[in-house]
Amino acid sequence: MKIDILTLFPKMFDGFLSESIIKRAIEKSLVEINIINFRDYSPYKNKQVDDYAFGGGAGMILMCEPIFNAVNALKTDDSYVIITSPRGNTYNQKKANILKNKKHIILVCGHYEGFDERIYSLADEIISVGNYVLTGGEIPSMAITDSIVRLLPGVINEESLVSESFNDEYYDYPVYTKPRVYNDLEVPEVLLSGNHKLINEYRETERKKIQNKD
């Protein structure tokens, strides 16, 4: 899979790409992730990417040319263009499982007071990561990328993926490790029994309890 992320702030991705699972997936050539500054695609001498809104209003609006130029330069027949925006469909695990099958994803990060409305015509899909306001689309694009990459074959142990939260209507079951007792808090005896039938039944029951607390 190839993921191109269009942003005005490439350095925000330095840690994201150089740590943990994402780093290992890149090193193993399981995914190619490119961070692209769409300011480089501005046709203006001063590399301008934003301007005041027609009709007035607060803040600056991202202009068409830099983003259209960048997307058109990168796009192929296999590309799927996603714009992150509060107006989009709320992201979830089901969507992550769909996107993991795409060959090439282009993520466009917004900033300032938003996109010129015509930019949305580039999108195959508009995605929101929740009903709150962020400074820009960089953090949402990281969340989307992370959720997709970890599902790619070879990135994470298959057994770990099977029992994860959101694979059905329930969260993952509670887990414990050493020590067996900590601050008078004990590991449930059933997990120490070696009886895998009872352990599985216990875990399934606990998953439902956690869900019902919501």
N, C-alpha and C. Protein backbone atom coordinates (compact mmCIF):
# COMPACT_ATOMS: atom_id res chain seq x y z
N MET A 1 0.83 -1.20 0.00
CA MET A 1 0.00 0.00 0.00
C MET A 1 0.87 1.24 0.00
N LYS A 2 0.35 2.28 -0.65
CA LYS A 2 1.02 3.57 -0.67
C LYS A 2 0.07 4.63 -0.12
N ILE A 3 0.56 5.46 0.81
CA ILE A 3 -0.23 6.54 1.38
C ILE A 3 0.53 7.85 1.21
N ASP A 4 -0.09 8.79 0.52
CA ASP A 4 0.46 10.14 0.37
C ASP A 4 -0.36 11.09 1.22
N ILE A 5 0.31 11.85 2.08
CA ILE A 5 -0.37 12.79 2.96
C ILE A 5 0.03 14.21 2.56
N LEU A 6 -0.97 15.01 2.16
CA LEU A 6 -0.72 16.38 1.75
C LEU A 6 -0.95 17.31 2.95
N THR A 7 0.06 18.09 3.28
CA THR A 7 0.02 18.92 4.47
C THR A 7 0.87 20.17 4.28
N LEU A 8 0.62 21.17 5.09
CA LEU A 8 1.48 22.35 5.13
C LEU A 8 2.53 22.24 6.23
N PHE A 9 2.45 21.18 7.04
CA PHE A 9 3.34 21.05 8.19
C PHE A 9 3.96 19.65 8.25
N PRO A 10 4.88 19.36 7.32
CA PRO A 10 5.48 18.02 7.24
C PRO A 10 6.19 17.58 8.51
N LYS A 11 6.78 18.50 9.25
CA LYS A 11 7.55 18.12 10.43
C LYS A 11 6.68 17.52 11.53
N MET A 12 5.38 17.79 11.47
CA MET A 12 4.48 17.20 12.46
C MET A 12 4.49 15.67 12.38
N PHE A 13 4.93 15.12 11.25
CA PHE A 13 4.90 13.67 11.04
C PHE A 13 6.21 12.98 11.37
N ASP A 14 7.22 13.73 11.78
CA ASP A 14 8.54 13.15 12.01
C ASP A 14 8.48 12.00 13.02
N GLY A 15 7.92 12.24 14.18
CA GLY A 15 7.82 11.20 15.20
C GLY A 15 6.88 10.08 14.80
N PHE A 16 5.81 10.43 14.15
CA PHE A 16 4.82 9.45 13.73
C PHE A 16 5.43 8.38 12.83
N LEU A 17 6.32 8.81 11.92
CA LEU A 17 6.91 7.88 10.96
C LEU A 17 8.14 7.16 11.48
N SER A 18 8.71 7.64 12.56
CA SER A 18 10.00 7.12 13.01
C SER A 18 9.92 6.32 14.30
N GLU A 19 8.72 5.94 14.72
CA GLU A 19 8.56 5.18 15.95
C GLU A 19 7.59 4.02 15.77
N SER A 20 7.78 3.00 16.58
CA SER A 20 6.79 1.95 16.81
C SER A 20 6.38 1.21 15.54
N ILE A 21 5.10 0.85 15.47
CA ILE A 21 4.58 -0.02 14.43
C ILE A 21 4.69 0.59 13.04
N ILE A 22 4.42 1.89 12.93
CA ILE A 22 4.51 2.54 11.62
C ILE A 22 5.94 2.45 11.09
N LYS A 23 6.91 2.72 11.93
CA LYS A 23 8.31 2.65 11.52
C LYS A 23 8.65 1.25 11.02
N ARG A 24 8.24 0.23 11.77
CA ARG A 24 8.57 -1.15 11.39
C ARG A 24 7.88 -1.55 10.09
N ALA A 25 6.65 -1.09 9.91
CA ALA A 25 5.93 -1.42 8.67
C ALA A 25 6.62 -0.81 7.46
N ILE A 26 7.13 0.41 7.62
CA ILE A 26 7.87 1.06 6.53
C ILE A 26 9.17 0.33 6.26
N GLU A 27 9.89 -0.01 7.31
CA GLU A 27 11.18 -0.70 7.15
C GLU A 27 11.02 -2.06 6.49
N LYS A 28 9.90 -2.72 6.74
CA LYS A 28 9.62 -4.04 6.15
C LYS A 28 8.98 -3.92 4.77
N SER A 29 8.86 -2.68 4.27
CA SER A 29 8.27 -2.41 2.95
C SER A 29 6.84 -2.91 2.83
N LEU A 30 6.11 -2.90 3.95
CA LEU A 30 4.71 -3.28 3.94
C LEU A 30 3.82 -2.09 3.57
N VAL A 31 4.38 -0.89 3.72
CA VAL A 31 3.65 0.32 3.34
C VAL A 31 4.66 1.39 2.95
N GLU A 32 4.27 2.24 2.03
CA GLU A 32 5.06 3.42 1.66
C GLU A 32 4.24 4.65 2.05
N ILE A 33 4.82 5.49 2.88
CA ILE A 33 4.13 6.70 3.33
C ILE A 33 4.95 7.91 2.94
N ASN A 34 4.34 8.80 2.18
CA ASN A 34 5.02 10.02 1.73
C ASN A 34 4.31 11.24 2.30
N ILE A 35 5.09 12.14 2.88
CA ILE A 35 4.55 13.39 3.41
C ILE A 35 4.89 14.50 2.41
N ILE A 36 3.88 15.13 1.87
CA ILE A 36 4.06 16.08 0.77
C ILE A 36 3.54 17.45 1.19
N ASN A 37 4.39 18.44 1.07
CA ASN A 37 4.00 19.82 1.36
C ASN A 37 3.33 20.40 0.12
N PHE A 38 2.02 20.60 0.20
CA PHE A 38 1.34 21.07 -1.01
C PHE A 38 1.65 22.53 -1.32
N ARG A 39 2.37 23.20 -0.43
CA ARG A 39 2.87 24.54 -0.76
C ARG A 39 3.82 24.47 -1.96
N ASP A 40 4.50 23.34 -2.11
CA ASP A 40 5.41 23.16 -3.23
C ASP A 40 4.69 23.16 -4.57
N TYR A 41 3.38 22.99 -4.55
CA TYR A 41 2.59 22.93 -5.78
C TYR A 41 1.87 24.25 -6.07
N SER A 42 2.17 25.27 -5.26
CA SER A 42 1.55 26.57 -5.51
C SER A 42 2.11 27.20 -6.77
N PRO A 43 1.27 27.77 -7.62
CA PRO A 43 1.75 28.41 -8.85
C PRO A 43 2.25 29.83 -8.63
N TYR A 44 2.14 30.32 -7.41
CA TYR A 44 2.50 31.71 -7.12
C TYR A 44 3.96 31.81 -6.70
N LYS A 45 4.58 32.92 -7.03
CA LYS A 45 6.00 33.10 -6.74
C LYS A 45 6.31 33.02 -5.25
N ASN A 46 5.41 33.52 -4.44
CA ASN A 46 5.63 33.48 -2.99
C ASN A 46 5.10 32.20 -2.34
N LYS A 47 4.71 31.22 -3.18
CA LYS A 47 4.20 29.93 -2.72
C LYS A 47 2.94 30.08 -1.86
N GLN A 48 2.13 31.05 -2.17
CA GLN A 48 0.90 31.30 -1.43
C GLN A 48 -0.05 30.11 -1.55
N VAL A 49 -0.72 29.76 -0.44
CA VAL A 49 -1.67 28.66 -0.44
C VAL A 49 -3.03 29.06 0.12
N ASP A 50 -3.15 30.28 0.67
CA ASP A 50 -4.41 30.70 1.26
C ASP A 50 -4.70 32.16 0.96
N ASP A 51 -5.96 32.54 1.12
CA ASP A 51 -6.35 33.93 0.88
C ASP A 51 -7.64 34.20 1.63
N TYR A 52 -8.05 35.47 1.63
CA TYR A 52 -9.27 35.86 2.32
C TYR A 52 -10.49 35.32 1.58
N ALA A 53 -11.56 35.09 2.34
CA ALA A 53 -12.80 34.55 1.76
C ALA A 53 -13.57 35.63 1.01
N PHE A 54 -14.07 35.28 -0.17
CA PHE A 54 -15.01 36.17 -0.85
C PHE A 54 -16.23 36.34 0.05
N GLY A 55 -16.69 37.57 0.16
CA GLY A 55 -17.84 37.85 1.00
C GLY A 55 -17.49 38.17 2.43
N GLY A 56 -16.19 38.08 2.76
CA GLY A 56 -15.76 38.42 4.10
C GLY A 56 -15.84 37.26 5.06
N GLY A 57 -15.37 37.48 6.26
CA GLY A 57 -15.35 36.44 7.28
C GLY A 57 -13.97 36.29 7.88
N ALA A 58 -13.93 35.64 9.04
CA ALA A 58 -12.66 35.49 9.76
C ALA A 58 -11.78 34.44 9.12
N GLY A 59 -10.47 34.64 9.24
CA GLY A 59 -9.51 33.62 8.85
C GLY A 59 -9.23 33.54 7.37
N MET A 60 -8.31 32.64 7.05
CA MET A 60 -7.86 32.45 5.67
C MET A 60 -8.36 31.11 5.15
N ILE A 61 -8.58 31.06 3.84
CA ILE A 61 -9.13 29.88 3.18
C ILE A 61 -8.07 29.25 2.28
N LEU A 62 -7.95 27.94 2.33
CA LEU A 62 -7.00 27.25 1.45
C LEU A 62 -7.46 27.35 0.01
N MET A 63 -6.55 27.71 -0.86
CA MET A 63 -6.85 27.97 -2.27
C MET A 63 -6.89 26.67 -3.09
N CYS A 64 -7.57 26.75 -4.21
CA CYS A 64 -7.71 25.57 -5.07
C CYS A 64 -6.40 25.10 -5.69
N GLU A 65 -5.66 26.03 -6.30
CA GLU A 65 -4.55 25.63 -7.16
C GLU A 65 -3.53 24.69 -6.52
N PRO A 66 -2.99 25.01 -5.33
CA PRO A 66 -1.96 24.13 -4.77
C PRO A 66 -2.45 22.71 -4.53
N ILE A 67 -3.68 22.58 -4.02
CA ILE A 67 -4.18 21.25 -3.70
C ILE A 67 -4.60 20.49 -4.95
N PHE A 68 -5.25 21.17 -5.88
CA PHE A 68 -5.59 20.51 -7.15
C PHE A 68 -4.32 20.05 -7.87
N ASN A 69 -3.31 20.92 -7.91
CA ASN A 69 -2.06 20.57 -8.58
C ASN A 69 -1.40 19.36 -7.93
N ALA A 70 -1.38 19.33 -6.60
CA ALA A 70 -0.72 18.23 -5.89
C ALA A 70 -1.47 16.92 -6.12
N VAL A 71 -2.76 16.94 -5.94
CA VAL A 71 -3.55 15.71 -6.10
C VAL A 71 -3.46 15.20 -7.54
N ASN A 72 -3.58 16.08 -8.50
CA ASN A 72 -3.52 15.66 -9.90
C ASN A 72 -2.14 15.10 -10.28
N ALA A 73 -1.09 15.62 -9.63
CA ALA A 73 0.26 15.11 -9.91
C ALA A 73 0.48 13.73 -9.32
N LEU A 74 -0.20 13.43 -8.24
CA LEU A 74 0.01 12.16 -7.52
C LEU A 74 -0.99 11.08 -7.92
N LYS A 75 -2.13 11.48 -8.39
CA LYS A 75 -3.24 10.56 -8.58
C LYS A 75 -3.01 9.61 -9.75
N THR A 76 -3.40 8.35 -9.54
CA THR A 76 -3.40 7.33 -10.59
C THR A 76 -4.77 6.66 -10.60
N ASP A 77 -4.93 5.66 -11.44
CA ASP A 77 -6.20 4.93 -11.51
C ASP A 77 -6.50 4.21 -10.20
N ASP A 78 -5.46 3.93 -9.41
CA ASP A 78 -5.63 3.19 -8.15
C ASP A 78 -5.84 4.09 -6.94
N SER A 79 -5.82 5.40 -7.15
CA SER A 79 -5.84 6.33 -6.02
C SER A 79 -7.23 6.50 -5.43
N TYR A 80 -7.26 6.71 -4.12
CA TYR A 80 -8.49 7.00 -3.39
C TYR A 80 -8.21 8.24 -2.55
N VAL A 81 -8.91 9.32 -2.85
CA VAL A 81 -8.62 10.62 -2.23
C VAL A 81 -9.56 10.85 -1.05
N ILE A 82 -8.95 11.12 0.11
CA ILE A 82 -9.71 11.39 1.33
C ILE A 82 -9.38 12.80 1.82
N ILE A 83 -10.41 13.58 2.09
CA ILE A 83 -10.24 14.88 2.73
C ILE A 83 -10.75 14.77 4.16
N THR A 84 -9.95 15.22 5.12
CA THR A 84 -10.39 15.21 6.51
C THR A 84 -11.13 16.51 6.80
N SER A 85 -12.35 16.37 7.32
CA SER A 85 -13.19 17.54 7.57
C SER A 85 -14.28 17.17 8.56
N PRO A 86 -14.69 18.10 9.43
CA PRO A 86 -15.78 17.82 10.36
C PRO A 86 -17.09 17.44 9.67
N ARG A 87 -17.24 17.84 8.41
CA ARG A 87 -18.50 17.54 7.71
C ARG A 87 -18.56 16.10 7.22
N GLY A 88 -17.47 15.37 7.32
CA GLY A 88 -17.42 14.02 6.76
C GLY A 88 -18.11 12.98 7.63
N ASN A 89 -18.15 11.76 7.10
CA ASN A 89 -18.66 10.62 7.86
C ASN A 89 -17.70 10.30 9.00
N THR A 90 -18.24 9.96 10.17
CA THR A 90 -17.39 9.68 11.33
C THR A 90 -16.63 8.38 11.13
N TYR A 91 -15.34 8.44 11.35
CA TYR A 91 -14.45 7.30 11.10
C TYR A 91 -14.68 6.21 12.13
N ASN A 92 -14.54 4.96 11.70
CA ASN A 92 -14.67 3.82 12.62
C ASN A 92 -13.87 2.63 12.10
N GLN A 93 -13.88 1.54 12.87
CA GLN A 93 -13.07 0.37 12.53
C GLN A 93 -13.55 -0.29 11.24
N LYS A 94 -14.85 -0.25 11.01
CA LYS A 94 -15.38 -0.82 9.77
C LYS A 94 -14.77 -0.12 8.56
N LYS A 95 -14.68 1.19 8.64
CA LYS A 95 -14.09 1.95 7.53
C LYS A 95 -12.60 1.64 7.39
N ALA A 96 -11.89 1.48 8.52
CA ALA A 96 -10.47 1.13 8.46
C ALA A 96 -10.27 -0.18 7.71
N ASN A 97 -11.14 -1.15 7.97
CA ASN A 97 -11.03 -2.46 7.31
C ASN A 97 -11.32 -2.37 5.82
N ILE A 98 -12.13 -1.40 5.41
CA ILE A 98 -12.38 -1.18 3.98
C ILE A 98 -11.17 -0.52 3.34
N LEU A 99 -10.63 0.50 4.00
CA LEU A 99 -9.53 1.26 3.42
C LEU A 99 -8.23 0.47 3.33
N LYS A 100 -8.07 -0.55 4.17
CA LYS A 100 -6.83 -1.34 4.13
C LYS A 100 -6.66 -2.06 2.79
N ASN A 101 -7.74 -2.18 2.04
CA ASN A 101 -7.68 -2.87 0.74
C ASN A 101 -7.39 -1.94 -0.43
N LYS A 102 -7.28 -0.64 -0.15
CA LYS A 102 -6.94 0.31 -1.21
C LYS A 102 -5.45 0.21 -1.53
N LYS A 103 -5.11 0.39 -2.79
CA LYS A 103 -3.70 0.34 -3.19
C LYS A 103 -2.98 1.67 -2.93
N HIS A 104 -3.70 2.76 -3.10
CA HIS A 104 -3.08 4.08 -2.96
C HIS A 104 -4.10 5.04 -2.35
N ILE A 105 -3.75 5.59 -1.20
CA ILE A 105 -4.61 6.56 -0.54
C ILE A 105 -3.92 7.92 -0.51
N ILE A 106 -4.65 8.95 -0.88
CA ILE A 106 -4.16 10.32 -0.77
C ILE A 106 -5.00 11.02 0.31
N LEU A 107 -4.34 11.44 1.37
CA LEU A 107 -5.01 12.14 2.47
C LEU A 107 -4.70 13.62 2.38
N VAL A 108 -5.70 14.46 2.39
CA VAL A 108 -5.51 15.90 2.28
C VAL A 108 -5.85 16.54 3.63
N CYS A 109 -4.87 17.19 4.23
CA CYS A 109 -5.04 17.83 5.54
C CYS A 109 -5.44 19.29 5.38
N GLY A 110 -6.54 19.65 5.98
CA GLY A 110 -6.97 21.04 5.97
C GLY A 110 -6.25 21.86 7.03
N HIS A 111 -6.43 23.16 6.96
CA HIS A 111 -5.85 24.07 7.96
C HIS A 111 -6.53 25.43 7.84
N TYR A 112 -6.19 26.31 8.75
CA TYR A 112 -6.77 27.66 8.78
C TYR A 112 -8.30 27.56 8.90
N GLU A 113 -9.05 28.34 8.11
CA GLU A 113 -10.51 28.32 8.22
C GLU A 113 -11.17 27.31 7.28
N GLY A 114 -10.35 26.46 6.66
CA GLY A 114 -10.92 25.40 5.84
C GLY A 114 -10.58 25.53 4.37
N PHE A 115 -11.21 24.64 3.58
CA PHE A 115 -10.96 24.55 2.15
C PHE A 115 -11.89 25.45 1.35
N ASP A 116 -11.37 25.99 0.26
CA ASP A 116 -12.25 26.50 -0.79
C ASP A 116 -13.21 25.35 -1.14
N GLU A 117 -14.48 25.64 -1.20
CA GLU A 117 -15.49 24.60 -1.38
C GLU A 117 -15.21 23.71 -2.60
N ARG A 118 -14.60 24.25 -3.62
CA ARG A 118 -14.35 23.48 -4.84
C ARG A 118 -13.35 22.36 -4.65
N ILE A 119 -12.53 22.46 -3.60
CA ILE A 119 -11.54 21.42 -3.33
C ILE A 119 -12.21 20.09 -2.98
N TYR A 120 -13.39 20.16 -2.38
CA TYR A 120 -14.09 18.93 -2.00
C TYR A 120 -14.44 18.07 -3.22
N SER A 121 -14.48 18.67 -4.39
CA SER A 121 -14.78 17.90 -5.60
C SER A 121 -13.70 16.88 -5.91
N LEU A 122 -12.52 17.04 -5.32
CA LEU A 122 -11.42 16.09 -5.53
C LEU A 122 -11.62 14.79 -4.75
N ALA A 123 -12.43 14.84 -3.70
CA ALA A 123 -12.49 13.75 -2.73
C ALA A 123 -13.34 12.58 -3.20
N ASP A 124 -12.82 11.38 -3.01
CA ASP A 124 -13.64 10.18 -3.12
C ASP A 124 -14.44 9.98 -1.84
N GLU A 125 -13.89 10.53 -0.75
CA GLU A 125 -14.59 10.42 0.54
C GLU A 125 -14.11 11.54 1.46
N ILE A 126 -15.04 12.04 2.27
CA ILE A 126 -14.71 13.03 3.30
C ILE A 126 -14.90 12.35 4.65
N ILE A 127 -13.88 12.44 5.51
CA ILE A 127 -13.90 11.71 6.77
C ILE A 127 -13.68 12.66 7.95
N SER A 128 -14.47 12.47 8.98
CA SER A 128 -14.30 13.17 10.25
C SER A 128 -13.85 12.17 11.31
N VAL A 129 -12.97 12.59 12.21
CA VAL A 129 -12.55 11.70 13.30
C VAL A 129 -13.30 12.02 14.59
N GLY A 130 -14.32 12.86 14.53
CA GLY A 130 -15.12 13.13 15.72
C GLY A 130 -15.70 14.53 15.71
N ASN A 131 -16.64 14.73 16.58
CA ASN A 131 -17.35 16.00 16.64
C ASN A 131 -16.65 16.99 17.57
N TYR A 132 -15.50 17.42 17.14
CA TYR A 132 -14.72 18.43 17.86
C TYR A 132 -13.83 19.11 16.84
N VAL A 133 -13.26 20.25 17.23
CA VAL A 133 -12.46 21.04 16.29
C VAL A 133 -10.97 20.90 16.62
N LEU A 134 -10.18 20.62 15.60
CA LEU A 134 -8.72 20.56 15.71
C LEU A 134 -8.11 21.68 14.89
N THR A 135 -6.84 21.97 15.15
CA THR A 135 -6.16 23.03 14.42
C THR A 135 -6.04 22.72 12.94
N GLY A 136 -5.87 21.46 12.61
CA GLY A 136 -5.71 21.07 11.22
C GLY A 136 -5.96 19.60 11.04
N GLY A 137 -5.78 19.12 9.82
CA GLY A 137 -6.07 17.73 9.49
C GLY A 137 -4.92 16.77 9.72
N GLU A 138 -3.80 17.26 10.28
CA GLU A 138 -2.63 16.39 10.45
C GLU A 138 -2.89 15.26 11.43
N ILE A 139 -3.44 15.59 12.59
CA ILE A 139 -3.71 14.55 13.59
C ILE A 139 -4.76 13.55 13.08
N PRO A 140 -5.87 13.98 12.49
CA PRO A 140 -6.78 13.01 11.90
C PRO A 140 -6.13 12.12 10.85
N SER A 141 -5.25 12.68 10.03
CA SER A 141 -4.61 11.87 8.99
C SER A 141 -3.68 10.83 9.61
N MET A 142 -3.04 11.18 10.73
CA MET A 142 -2.21 10.20 11.44
C MET A 142 -3.07 9.08 12.00
N ALA A 143 -4.21 9.44 12.59
CA ALA A 143 -5.10 8.44 13.17
C ALA A 143 -5.61 7.48 12.09
N ILE A 144 -6.01 8.03 10.97
CA ILE A 144 -6.51 7.19 9.88
C ILE A 144 -5.41 6.29 9.35
N THR A 145 -4.23 6.86 9.14
CA THR A 145 -3.11 6.08 8.62
C THR A 145 -2.73 4.95 9.58
N ASP A 146 -2.62 5.28 10.86
CA ASP A 146 -2.26 4.27 11.86
C ASP A 146 -3.27 3.13 11.88
N SER A 147 -4.55 3.47 11.86
CA SER A 147 -5.59 2.44 11.94
C SER A 147 -5.59 1.52 10.73
N ILE A 148 -5.17 2.04 9.58
CA ILE A 148 -5.11 1.24 8.36
C ILE A 148 -3.86 0.37 8.34
N VAL A 149 -2.72 0.99 8.61
CA VAL A 149 -1.43 0.29 8.48
C VAL A 149 -1.36 -0.92 9.40
N ARG A 150 -1.87 -0.79 10.62
CA ARG A 150 -1.78 -1.90 11.57
C ARG A 150 -2.61 -3.10 11.13
N LEU A 151 -3.51 -2.91 10.17
CA LEU A 151 -4.34 -4.00 9.66
C LEU A 151 -3.71 -4.71 8.46
N LEU A 152 -2.65 -4.14 7.91
CA LEU A 152 -2.02 -4.74 6.73
C LEU A 152 -1.35 -6.05 7.10
N PRO A 153 -1.41 -7.05 6.22
CA PRO A 153 -0.78 -8.35 6.51
C PRO A 153 0.71 -8.20 6.84
N GLY A 154 1.11 -8.82 7.95
CA GLY A 154 2.51 -8.81 8.34
C GLY A 154 2.90 -7.70 9.28
N VAL A 155 2.01 -6.73 9.51
CA VAL A 155 2.35 -5.60 10.38
C VAL A 155 2.20 -5.99 11.84
N ILE A 156 1.09 -6.63 12.18
CA ILE A 156 0.80 -7.07 13.54
C ILE A 156 0.41 -8.54 13.52
N ASN A 157 0.72 -9.24 14.59
CA ASN A 157 0.34 -10.64 14.73
C ASN A 157 -1.15 -10.81 14.49
N GLU A 158 -1.53 -11.76 13.64
CA GLU A 158 -2.94 -11.95 13.28
C GLU A 158 -3.81 -12.23 14.50
N GLU A 159 -3.28 -12.99 15.46
CA GLU A 159 -4.06 -13.33 16.66
C GLU A 159 -4.43 -12.08 17.45
N SER A 160 -3.53 -11.10 17.47
CA SER A 160 -3.81 -9.86 18.19
C SER A 160 -4.95 -9.09 17.56
N LEU A 161 -5.07 -9.17 16.25
CA LEU A 161 -6.11 -8.43 15.55
C LEU A 161 -7.50 -9.03 15.73
N VAL A 162 -7.55 -10.37 15.90
CA VAL A 162 -8.83 -11.06 15.95
C VAL A 162 -9.68 -10.62 17.13
N SER A 163 -9.04 -10.43 18.30
CA SER A 163 -9.80 -10.16 19.52
C SER A 163 -9.89 -8.68 19.86
N GLU A 164 -9.57 -7.81 18.94
CA GLU A 164 -9.54 -6.38 19.24
C GLU A 164 -10.92 -5.79 19.42
N SER A 165 -10.94 -4.63 20.09
CA SER A 165 -12.18 -3.86 20.18
C SER A 165 -12.66 -3.49 18.79
N PHE A 166 -13.99 -3.42 18.65
CA PHE A 166 -14.67 -2.93 17.45
C PHE A 166 -14.69 -3.95 16.31
N ASN A 167 -14.14 -5.16 16.50
CA ASN A 167 -14.32 -6.18 15.47
C ASN A 167 -15.76 -6.69 15.48
N ASP A 168 -16.45 -6.50 16.60
CA ASP A 168 -17.89 -6.71 16.67
C ASP A 168 -18.44 -5.57 17.51
N GLU A 169 -19.58 -5.77 18.17
CA GLU A 169 -20.18 -4.66 18.91
C GLU A 169 -19.56 -4.46 20.29
N TYR A 170 -18.58 -5.31 20.65
CA TYR A 170 -18.01 -5.23 21.99
C TYR A 170 -16.56 -4.74 21.97
N TYR A 171 -16.13 -4.19 23.11
CA TYR A 171 -14.73 -3.84 23.30
C TYR A 171 -13.93 -5.10 23.58
N ASP A 172 -12.61 -4.96 23.61
CA ASP A 172 -11.74 -6.09 23.95
C ASP A 172 -11.91 -6.44 25.42
N TYR A 173 -11.61 -7.68 25.76
CA TYR A 173 -11.71 -8.13 27.16
C TYR A 173 -10.55 -7.58 27.99
N PRO A 174 -10.71 -7.49 29.34
CA PRO A 174 -9.63 -7.02 30.20
C PRO A 174 -8.49 -8.02 30.24
N VAL A 175 -7.26 -7.53 30.33
CA VAL A 175 -6.09 -8.40 30.38
C VAL A 175 -5.22 -8.04 31.59
N TYR A 176 -4.41 -9.01 32.03
CA TYR A 176 -3.56 -8.85 33.20
C TYR A 176 -2.19 -9.46 32.94
N THR A 177 -1.18 -9.00 33.69
CA THR A 177 0.14 -9.61 33.64
C THR A 177 0.74 -9.53 35.05
N LYS A 178 2.00 -9.90 35.20
CA LYS A 178 2.65 -9.90 36.51
C LYS A 178 2.71 -8.49 37.09
N PRO A 179 2.62 -8.37 38.44
CA PRO A 179 2.50 -9.44 39.45
C PRO A 179 1.05 -9.90 39.61
N ARG A 180 0.86 -11.05 40.25
CA ARG A 180 -0.49 -11.60 40.45
C ARG A 180 -1.30 -10.75 41.42
N VAL A 181 -0.61 -10.10 42.36
CA VAL A 181 -1.28 -9.20 43.31
C VAL A 181 -0.50 -7.89 43.34
N TYR A 182 -1.22 -6.78 43.20
CA TYR A 182 -0.59 -5.46 43.25
C TYR A 182 -1.52 -4.50 43.98
N ASN A 183 -1.00 -3.91 45.07
CA ASN A 183 -1.81 -3.00 45.90
C ASN A 183 -3.16 -3.62 46.27
N ASP A 184 -3.11 -4.90 46.65
CA ASP A 184 -4.30 -5.67 47.05
C ASP A 184 -5.27 -5.93 45.89
N LEU A 185 -4.87 -5.62 44.68
CA LEU A 185 -5.67 -5.92 43.49
C LEU A 185 -5.15 -7.21 42.88
N GLU A 186 -6.03 -8.21 42.77
CA GLU A 186 -5.61 -9.54 42.34
C GLU A 186 -6.06 -9.86 40.92
N VAL A 187 -5.25 -10.67 40.24
CA VAL A 187 -5.64 -11.21 38.94
C VAL A 187 -6.75 -12.24 39.17
N PRO A 188 -7.83 -12.20 38.40
CA PRO A 188 -8.90 -13.20 38.57
C PRO A 188 -8.37 -14.63 38.48
N GLU A 189 -8.81 -15.46 39.40
CA GLU A 189 -8.31 -16.84 39.52
C GLU A 189 -8.50 -17.64 38.24
N VAL A 190 -9.61 -17.37 37.53
CA VAL A 190 -9.89 -18.17 36.34
C VAL A 190 -8.77 -18.05 35.31
N LEU A 191 -8.11 -16.89 35.26
CA LEU A 191 -7.04 -16.69 34.28
C LEU A 191 -5.78 -17.47 34.63
N LEU A 192 -5.71 -17.94 35.86
CA LEU A 192 -4.55 -18.72 36.31
C LEU A 192 -4.85 -20.21 36.31
N SER A 193 -6.06 -20.58 35.90
CA SER A 193 -6.51 -21.98 36.02
C SER A 193 -5.95 -22.90 34.95
N GLY A 194 -5.59 -22.33 33.79
CA GLY A 194 -5.14 -23.18 32.69
C GLY A 194 -6.29 -23.80 31.91
N ASN A 195 -7.53 -23.55 32.34
CA ASN A 195 -8.71 -24.08 31.67
C ASN A 195 -9.16 -23.07 30.61
N HIS A 196 -8.80 -23.32 29.37
CA HIS A 196 -9.04 -22.34 28.31
C HIS A 196 -10.51 -22.15 27.98
N LYS A 197 -11.31 -23.18 28.21
CA LYS A 197 -12.75 -23.05 27.99
C LYS A 197 -13.34 -22.04 28.98
N LEU A 198 -12.96 -22.18 30.25
CA LEU A 198 -13.44 -21.24 31.27
C LEU A 198 -12.88 -19.84 31.05
N ILE A 199 -11.62 -19.79 30.62
CA ILE A 199 -10.99 -18.47 30.37
C ILE A 199 -11.72 -17.74 29.25
N ASN A 200 -12.03 -18.45 28.19
CA ASN A 200 -12.74 -17.82 27.06
C ASN A 200 -14.14 -17.37 27.46
N GLU A 201 -14.80 -18.19 28.28
CA GLU A 201 -16.14 -17.81 28.75
C GLU A 201 -16.07 -16.58 29.64
N TYR A 202 -15.07 -16.54 30.51
CA TYR A 202 -14.88 -15.39 31.39
C TYR A 202 -14.62 -14.12 30.57
N ARG A 203 -13.74 -14.22 29.61
CA ARG A 203 -13.39 -13.05 28.79
C ARG A 203 -14.60 -12.54 28.02
N GLU A 204 -15.41 -13.45 27.48
CA GLU A 204 -16.58 -13.03 26.73
C GLU A 204 -17.58 -12.32 27.64
N THR A 205 -17.73 -12.84 28.86
CA THR A 205 -18.63 -12.20 29.82
C THR A 205 -18.14 -10.81 30.19
N GLU A 206 -16.84 -10.68 30.41
CA GLU A 206 -16.28 -9.39 30.80
C GLU A 206 -16.38 -8.36 29.67
N ARG A 207 -16.24 -8.81 28.44
CA ARG A 207 -16.40 -7.89 27.31
C ARG A 207 -17.79 -7.26 27.32
N LYS A 208 -18.79 -8.08 27.58
CA LYS A 208 -20.17 -7.60 27.58
C LYS A 208 -20.41 -6.66 28.76
N LYS A 209 -19.78 -6.95 29.90
CA LYS A 209 -19.90 -6.07 31.06
C LYS A 209 -19.34 -4.68 30.76
N ILE A 210 -18.17 -4.66 30.11
CA ILE A 210 -17.54 -3.38 29.78
C ILE A 210 -18.44 -2.58 28.84
N GLN A 211 -19.02 -3.26 27.85
CA GLN A 211 -19.90 -2.58 26.89
C GLN A 211 -21.12 -1.99 27.60
N ASN A 212 -21.67 -2.75 28.54
CA ASN A 212 -22.88 -2.30 29.22
C ASN A 212 -22.63 -1.11 30.13
N LYS A 213 -21.37 -0.91 30.55
CA LYS A 213 -21.04 0.23 31.38
C LYS A 213 -21.20 1.54 30.62
N ASP A 214 -21.10 1.45 29.28
CA ASP A 214 -21.24 2.65 28.46
C ASP A 214 -22.69 3.10 28.37
